[in-house]
């Protein structure tokens, strides 16, 4: 039996007011899932936008070594 069929079997015996609550909960789950999807997409768009903004300012720091004593002397 699929999950949908199990949900149907369980909901079938409920009174109408509880069936309404089940439908409300299903709507909540759908909405929550969509909001998570949108949030992930928005975060990816923001990261892409920030990478574009900061791309001209990138520099290679692989040879840079931080010397704490030298920095404290300044």
PDB file of N, CA and C in Angstrom:
ATOM      1  N   UNK A   1       0.834  -1.184   0.000  1.00  0.00           N
ATOM      2  CA  UNK A   1       0.000   0.000   0.000  1.00  0.00           C
ATOM      3  C   UNK A   1       0.881   1.250   0.000  1.00  0.00           C
ATOM      4  N   UNK A   2       0.525   2.217  -0.821  1.00  0.00           N
ATOM      5  CA  UNK A   2       1.314   3.445  -0.887  1.00  0.00           C
ATOM      6  C   UNK A   2       0.991   4.351   0.300  1.00  0.00           C
ATOM      7  N   UNK A   3       1.820   5.341   0.486  1.00  0.00           N
ATOM      8  CA  UNK A   3       1.612   6.286   1.581  1.00  0.00           C
ATOM      9  C   UNK A   3       0.278   7.014   1.424  1.00  0.00           C
ATOM     10  N   UNK A   4      -0.035   7.410   0.197  1.00  0.00           N
ATOM     11  CA  UNK A   4      -1.298   8.110  -0.046  1.00  0.00           C
ATOM     12  C   UNK A   4      -2.486   7.230   0.319  1.00  0.00           C
ATOM     13  N   UNK A   5      -2.400   5.953  -0.009  1.00  0.00           N
ATOM     14  CA  UNK A   5      -3.487   5.030   0.326  1.00  0.00           C
ATOM     15  C   UNK A   5      -3.606   4.842   1.838  1.00  0.00           C
ATOM     16  N   UNK A   6      -2.473   4.779   2.523  1.00  0.00           N
ATOM     17  CA  UNK A   6      -2.507   4.656   3.986  1.00  0.00           C
ATOM     18  C   UNK A   6      -3.133   5.903   4.621  1.00  0.00           C
ATOM     19  N   UNK A   7      -2.758   7.061   4.107  1.00  0.00           N
ATOM     20  CA  UNK A   7      -3.345   8.307   4.628  1.00  0.00           C
ATOM     21  C   UNK A   7      -4.853   8.308   4.381  1.00  0.00           C
ATOM     22  N   UNK A   8      -5.246   7.880   3.192  1.00  0.00           N
ATOM     23  CA  UNK A   8      -6.673   7.816   2.869  1.00  0.00           C
ATOM     24  C   UNK A   8      -7.413   6.872   3.815  1.00  0.00           C
ATOM     25  N   UNK A   9      -6.843   5.697   4.046  1.00  0.00           N
ATOM     26  CA  UNK A   9      -7.482   4.721   4.937  1.00  0.00           C
ATOM     27  C   UNK A   9      -7.635   5.282   6.345  1.00  0.00           C
ATOM     28  N   UNK A  10      -6.608   5.959   6.829  1.00  0.00           N
ATOM     29  CA  UNK A  10      -6.669   6.533   8.175  1.00  0.00           C
ATOM     30  C   UNK A  10      -7.675   7.686   8.236  1.00  0.00           C
ATOM     31  N   UNK A  11      -7.690   8.521   7.194  1.00  0.00           N
ATOM     32  CA  UNK A  11      -8.565   9.693   7.195  1.00  0.00           C
ATOM     33  C   UNK A  11     -10.026   9.321   6.941  1.00  0.00           C
ATOM     34  N   UNK A  12     -10.246   8.218   6.285  1.00  0.00           N
ATOM     35  CA  UNK A  12     -11.599   7.808   5.913  1.00  0.00           C
ATOM     36  C   UNK A  12     -12.510   7.660   7.129  1.00  0.00           C
ATOM     37  N   UNK A  13     -11.974   7.181   8.236  1.00  0.00           N
ATOM     38  CA  UNK A  13     -12.806   6.949   9.412  1.00  0.00           C
ATOM     39  C   UNK A  13     -12.918   8.150  10.345  1.00  0.00           C
ATOM     40  N   UNK A  14     -12.287   9.255   9.992  1.00  0.00           N
ATOM     41  CA  UNK A  14     -12.319  10.429  10.869  1.00  0.00           C
ATOM     42  C   UNK A  14     -13.609  11.219  10.702  1.00  0.00           C
ATOM     43  N   UNK A  15     -14.055  11.891  11.763  1.00  0.00           N
ATOM     44  CA  UNK A  15     -15.181  12.812  11.610  1.00  0.00           C
ATOM     45  C   UNK A  15     -14.779  13.981  10.697  1.00  0.00           C
ATOM     46  N   UNK A  16     -15.776  14.659  10.148  1.00  0.00           N
ATOM     47  CA  UNK A  16     -15.527  15.726   9.166  1.00  0.00           C
ATOM     48  C   UNK A  16     -14.611  16.813   9.714  1.00  0.00           C
ATOM     49  N   UNK A  17     -14.809  17.220  10.980  1.00  0.00           N
ATOM     50  CA  UNK A  17     -13.991  18.315  11.507  1.00  0.00           C
ATOM     51  C   UNK A  17     -12.515  17.913  11.616  1.00  0.00           C
ATOM     52  N   UNK A  18     -12.255  16.623  11.887  1.00  0.00           N
ATOM     53  CA  UNK A  18     -10.862  16.166  11.918  1.00  0.00           C
ATOM     54  C   UNK A  18     -10.303  16.014  10.502  1.00  0.00           C
ATOM     55  N   UNK A  19     -11.149  15.645   9.556  1.00  0.00           N
ATOM     56  CA  UNK A  19     -10.730  15.590   8.154  1.00  0.00           C
ATOM     57  C   UNK A  19     -10.292  16.957   7.671  1.00  0.00           C
ATOM     58  N   UNK A  20     -11.016  17.994   8.119  1.00  0.00           N
ATOM     59  CA  UNK A  20     -10.647  19.362   7.766  1.00  0.00           C
ATOM     60  C   UNK A  20      -9.276  19.710   8.341  1.00  0.00           C
ATOM     61  N   UNK A  21      -9.004  19.268   9.567  1.00  0.00           N
ATOM     62  CA  UNK A  21      -7.693  19.514  10.179  1.00  0.00           C
ATOM     63  C   UNK A  21      -6.589  18.803   9.398  1.00  0.00           C
ATOM     64  N   UNK A  22      -6.880  17.588   8.941  1.00  0.00           N
ATOM     65  CA  UNK A  22      -5.892  16.850   8.150  1.00  0.00           C
ATOM     66  C   UNK A  22      -5.595  17.612   6.867  1.00  0.00           C
ATOM     67  N   UNK A  23      -6.623  18.119   6.204  1.00  0.00           N
ATOM     68  CA  UNK A  23      -6.416  18.890   4.976  1.00  0.00           C
ATOM     69  C   UNK A  23      -5.620  20.161   5.252  1.00  0.00           C
ATOM     70  N   UNK A  24      -5.929  20.831   6.359  1.00  0.00           N
ATOM     71  CA  UNK A  24      -5.160  22.022   6.735  1.00  0.00           C
ATOM     72  C   UNK A  24      -3.688  21.670   6.944  1.00  0.00           C
ATOM     73  N   UNK A  25      -3.441  20.550   7.600  1.00  0.00           N
ATOM     74  CA  UNK A  25      -2.066  20.128   7.853  1.00  0.00           C
ATOM     75  C   UNK A  25      -1.341  19.803   6.551  1.00  0.00           C
ATOM     76  N   UNK A  26      -2.026  19.150   5.631  1.00  0.00           N
ATOM     77  CA  UNK A  26      -1.427  18.850   4.321  1.00  0.00           C
ATOM     78  C   UNK A  26      -1.076  20.143   3.600  1.00  0.00           C
ATOM     79  N   UNK A  27      -1.970  21.121   3.664  1.00  0.00           N
ATOM     80  CA  UNK A  27      -1.684  22.429   3.066  1.00  0.00           C
ATOM     81  C   UNK A  27      -0.469  23.082   3.705  1.00  0.00           C
ATOM     82  N   UNK A  28      -0.371  22.965   5.029  1.00  0.00           N
ATOM     83  CA  UNK A  28       0.774  23.518   5.750  1.00  0.00           C
ATOM     84  C   UNK A  28       2.068  22.856   5.280  1.00  0.00           C
ATOM     85  N   UNK A  29       2.053  21.528   5.164  1.00  0.00           N
ATOM     86  CA  UNK A  29       3.253  20.814   4.725  1.00  0.00           C
ATOM     87  C   UNK A  29       3.668  21.225   3.313  1.00  0.00           C
ATOM     88  N   UNK A  30       2.690  21.340   2.422  1.00  0.00           N
ATOM     89  CA  UNK A  30       2.996  21.763   1.052  1.00  0.00           C
ATOM     90  C   UNK A  30       3.598  23.159   1.048  1.00  0.00           C
ATOM     91  N   UNK A  31       2.996  24.067   1.810  1.00  0.00           N
ATOM     92  CA  UNK A  31       3.473  25.447   1.864  1.00  0.00           C
ATOM     93  C   UNK A  31       4.880  25.510   2.445  1.00  0.00           C
ATOM     94  N   UNK A  32       5.125  24.766   3.508  1.00  0.00           N
ATOM     95  CA  UNK A  32       6.440  24.760   4.153  1.00  0.00           C
ATOM     96  C   UNK A  32       7.502  24.239   3.181  1.00  0.00           C
ATOM     97  N   UNK A  33       7.157  23.195   2.426  1.00  0.00           N
ATOM     98  CA  UNK A  33       8.106  22.631   1.467  1.00  0.00           C
ATOM     99  C   UNK A  33       8.413  23.647   0.370  1.00  0.00           C
ATOM    100  N   UNK A  34       7.399  24.348  -0.117  1.00  0.00           N
ATOM    101  CA  UNK A  34       7.613  25.348  -1.157  1.00  0.00           C
ATOM    102  C   UNK A  34       8.471  26.493  -0.630  1.00  0.00           C
ATOM    103  N   UNK A  35       8.236  26.918   0.611  1.00  0.00           N
ATOM    104  CA  UNK A  35       9.023  28.006   1.182  1.00  0.00           C
ATOM    105  C   UNK A  35      10.488  27.614   1.316  1.00  0.00           C
ATOM    106  N   UNK A  36      10.756  26.376   1.705  1.00  0.00           N
ATOM    107  CA  UNK A  36      12.137  25.914   1.798  1.00  0.00           C
ATOM    108  C   UNK A  36      12.801  25.940   0.430  1.00  0.00           C
ATOM    109  N   UNK A  37      12.061  25.494  -0.589  1.00  0.00           N
ATOM    110  CA  UNK A  37      12.583  25.479  -1.948  1.00  0.00           C
ATOM    111  C   UNK A  37      12.910  26.901  -2.403  1.00  0.00           C
ATOM    112  N   UNK A  38      11.996  27.851  -2.130  1.00  0.00           N
ATOM    113  CA  UNK A  38      12.210  29.241  -2.508  1.00  0.00           C
ATOM    114  C   UNK A  38      13.405  29.824  -1.770  1.00  0.00           C
ATOM    115  N   UNK A  39      13.552  29.484  -0.498  1.00  0.00           N
ATOM    116  CA  UNK A  39      14.664  29.993   0.292  1.00  0.00           C
ATOM    117  C   UNK A  39      15.979  29.504  -0.286  1.00  0.00           C
ATOM    118  N   UNK A  40      16.044  28.242  -0.653  1.00  0.00           N
ATOM    119  CA  UNK A  40      17.261  27.691  -1.243  1.00  0.00           C
ATOM    120  C   UNK A  40      17.569  28.400  -2.554  1.00  0.00           C
ATOM    121  N   UNK A  41      16.553  28.625  -3.375  1.00  0.00           N
ATOM    122  CA  UNK A  41      16.766  29.309  -4.644  1.00  0.00           C
ATOM    123  C   UNK A  41      17.219  30.746  -4.397  1.00  0.00           C
ATOM    124  N   UNK A  42      16.601  31.430  -3.434  1.00  0.00           N
ATOM    125  CA  UNK A  42      16.995  32.803  -3.143  1.00  0.00           C
ATOM    126  C   UNK A  42      18.434  32.865  -2.658  1.00  0.00           C
ATOM    127  N   UNK A  43      18.852  31.920  -1.834  1.00  0.00           N
ATOM    128  CA  UNK A  43      20.223  31.895  -1.340  1.00  0.00           C
ATOM    129  C   UNK A  43      21.196  31.676  -2.484  1.00  0.00           C
ATOM    130  N   UNK A  44      20.858  30.786  -3.408  1.00  0.00           N
ATOM    131  CA  UNK A  44      21.732  30.540  -4.552  1.00  0.00           C
ATOM    132  C   UNK A  44      21.834  31.788  -5.427  1.00  0.00           C
ATOM    133  N   UNK A  45      20.725  32.498  -5.622  1.00  0.00           N
ATOM    134  CA  UNK A  45      20.737  33.729  -6.406  1.00  0.00           C
ATOM    135  C   UNK A  45      21.579  34.795  -5.719  1.00  0.00           C
ATOM    136  N   UNK A  46      21.467  34.910  -4.390  1.00  0.00           N
ATOM    137  CA  UNK A  46      22.251  35.893  -3.648  1.00  0.00           C
ATOM    138  C   UNK A  46      23.741  35.595  -3.755  1.00  0.00           C
ATOM    139  N   UNK A  47      24.106  34.320  -3.625  1.00  0.00           N
ATOM    140  CA  UNK A  47      25.513  33.934  -3.729  1.00  0.00           C
ATOM    141  C   UNK A  47      26.043  34.275  -5.117  1.00  0.00           C
ATOM    142  N   UNK A  48      25.259  33.962  -6.129  1.00  0.00           N
ATOM    143  CA  UNK A  48      25.662  34.272  -7.501  1.00  0.00           C
ATOM    144  C   UNK A  48      25.838  35.779  -7.685  1.00  0.00           C
ATOM    145  N   UNK A  49      24.917  36.558  -7.139  1.00  0.00           N
ATOM    146  CA  UNK A  49      25.001  38.014  -7.244  1.00  0.00           C
ATOM    147  C   UNK A  49      26.244  38.544  -6.527  1.00  0.00           C
ATOM    148  N   UNK A  50      26.531  38.029  -5.337  1.00  0.00           N
ATOM    149  CA  UNK A  50      27.709  38.470  -4.595  1.00  0.00           C
ATOM    150  C   UNK A  50      28.999  38.087  -5.308  1.00  0.00           C
ATOM    151  N   UNK A  51      29.037  36.899  -5.887  1.00  0.00           N
ATOM    152  CA  UNK A  51      30.220  36.499  -6.646  1.00  0.00           C
ATOM    153  C   UNK A  51      30.458  37.431  -7.819  1.00  0.00           C
ATOM    154  N   UNK A  52      29.390  37.862  -8.470  1.00  0.00           N
ATOM    155  CA  UNK A  52      29.506  38.792  -9.586  1.00  0.00           C
ATOM    156  C   UNK A  52      30.027  40.151  -9.112  1.00  0.00           C
ATOM    157  N   UNK A  53      29.523  40.611  -7.978  1.00  0.00           N
ATOM    158  CA  UNK A  53      29.933  41.917  -7.454  1.00  0.00           C
ATOM    159  C   UNK A  53      31.410  41.916  -7.063  1.00  0.00           C
ATOM    160  N   UNK A  54      31.850  40.850  -6.399  1.00  0.00           N
ATOM    161  CA  UNK A  54      33.210  40.821  -5.878  1.00  0.00           C
ATOM    162  C   UNK A  54      34.244  40.252  -6.850  1.00  0.00           C
ATOM    163  N   UNK A  55      33.823  39.755  -7.996  1.00  0.00           N
ATOM    164  CA  UNK A  55      34.747  39.154  -8.964  1.00  0.00           C
ATOM    165  C   UNK A  55      35.882  40.099  -9.366  1.00  0.00           C
ATOM    166  N   UNK A  56      35.621  41.386  -9.624  1.00  0.00           N
ATOM    167  CA  UNK A  56      36.719  42.276 -10.026  1.00  0.00           C
ATOM    168  C   UNK A  56      37.750  42.500  -8.918  1.00  0.00           C
ATOM    169  N   UNK A  57      37.395  42.223  -7.693  1.00  0.00           N
ATOM    170  CA  UNK A  57      38.280  42.509  -6.562  1.00  0.00           C
ATOM    171  C   UNK A  57      39.056  41.280  -6.093  1.00  0.00           C
ATOM    172  N   UNK A  58      38.927  40.193  -6.792  1.00  0.00           N
ATOM    173  CA  UNK A  58      39.629  38.972  -6.401  1.00  0.00           C
ATOM    174  C   UNK A  58      41.123  39.108  -6.658  1.00  0.00           C
ATOM    175  N   UNK A  59      41.904  38.567  -5.746  1.00  0.00           N
ATOM    176  CA  UNK A  59      43.344  38.521  -5.948  1.00  0.00           C
ATOM    177  C   UNK A  59      43.883  37.225  -5.351  1.00  0.00           C
ATOM    178  N   UNK A  60      45.033  36.822  -5.844  1.00  0.00           N
ATOM    179  CA  UNK A  60      45.645  35.575  -5.391  1.00  0.00           C
ATOM    180  C   UNK A  60      46.419  35.829  -4.101  1.00  0.00           C
ATOM    181  N   UNK A  61      45.983  35.239  -3.012  1.00  0.00           N
ATOM    182  CA  UNK A  61      46.638  35.398  -1.720  1.00  0.00           C
ATOM    183  C   UNK A  61      47.335  34.109  -1.281  1.00  0.00           C
ATOM    184  N   UNK A  62      47.580  33.210  -2.215  1.00  0.00           N
ATOM    185  CA  UNK A  62      48.171  31.923  -1.848  1.00  0.00           C
ATOM    186  C   UNK A  62      49.599  32.071  -1.322  1.00  0.00           C
ATOM    187  N   UNK A  63      50.325  33.116  -1.740  1.00  0.00           N
ATOM    188  CA  UNK A  63      51.697  33.325  -1.263  1.00  0.00           C
ATOM    189  C   UNK A  63      51.745  34.194  -0.012  1.00  0.00           C
ATOM    190  N   UNK A  64      50.619  34.691   0.440  1.00  0.00           N
ATOM    191  CA  UNK A  64      50.601  35.587   1.599  1.00  0.00           C
ATOM    192  C   UNK A  64      50.684  34.778   2.888  1.00  0.00           C
ATOM    193  N   UNK A  65      51.571  35.208   3.779  1.00  0.00           N
ATOM    194  CA  UNK A  65      51.707  34.574   5.085  1.00  0.00           C
ATOM    195  C   UNK A  65      51.560  35.658   6.146  1.00  0.00           C
ATOM    196  N   UNK A  66      50.614  35.471   7.029  1.00  0.00           N
ATOM    197  CA  UNK A  66      50.349  36.447   8.071  1.00  0.00           C
ATOM    198  C   UNK A  66      51.345  36.277   9.202  1.00  0.00           C
ATOM    199  N   UNK A  67      51.977  37.389   9.587  1.00  0.00           N
ATOM    200  CA  UNK A  67      52.923  37.384  10.693  1.00  0.00           C
ATOM    201  C   UNK A  67      52.330  38.248  11.804  1.00  0.00           C
ATOM    202  N   UNK A  68      51.880  37.618  12.851  1.00  0.00           N
ATOM    203  CA  UNK A  68      51.214  38.324  13.938  1.00  0.00           C
ATOM    204  C   UNK A  68      52.130  39.335  14.613  1.00  0.00           C
ATOM    205  N   UNK A  69      53.374  38.974  14.847  1.00  0.00           N
ATOM    206  CA  UNK A  69      54.306  39.900  15.510  1.00  0.00           C
ATOM    207  C   UNK A  69      54.522  41.151  14.677  1.00  0.00           C
ATOM    208  N   UNK A  70      54.687  40.945  13.383  1.00  0.00           N
ATOM    209  CA  UNK A  70      54.878  42.087  12.477  1.00  0.00           C
ATOM    210  C   UNK A  70      53.631  42.974  12.471  1.00  0.00           C
ATOM    211  N   UNK A  71      52.463  42.374  12.467  1.00  0.00           N
ATOM    212  CA  UNK A  71      51.224  43.149  12.471  1.00  0.00           C
ATOM    213  C   UNK A  71      51.065  43.927  13.774  1.00  0.00           C
ATOM    214  N   UNK A  72      51.466  43.334  14.895  1.00  0.00           N
ATOM    215  CA  UNK A  72      51.353  44.021  16.183  1.00  0.00           C
ATOM    216  C   UNK A  72      52.341  45.162  16.323  1.00  0.00           C
ATOM    217  N   UNK A  73      53.461  45.119  15.590  1.00  0.00           N
ATOM    218  CA  UNK A  73      54.440  46.191  15.655  1.00  0.00           C
ATOM    219  C   UNK A  73      53.944  47.456  14.982  1.00  0.00           C
ATOM    220  N   UNK A  74      52.994  47.339  14.088  1.00  0.00           N
ATOM    221  CA  UNK A  74      52.494  48.497  13.342  1.00  0.00           C
ATOM    222  C   UNK A  74      51.722  49.417  14.189  1.00  0.00           C
TER     223      UNK A  74
END
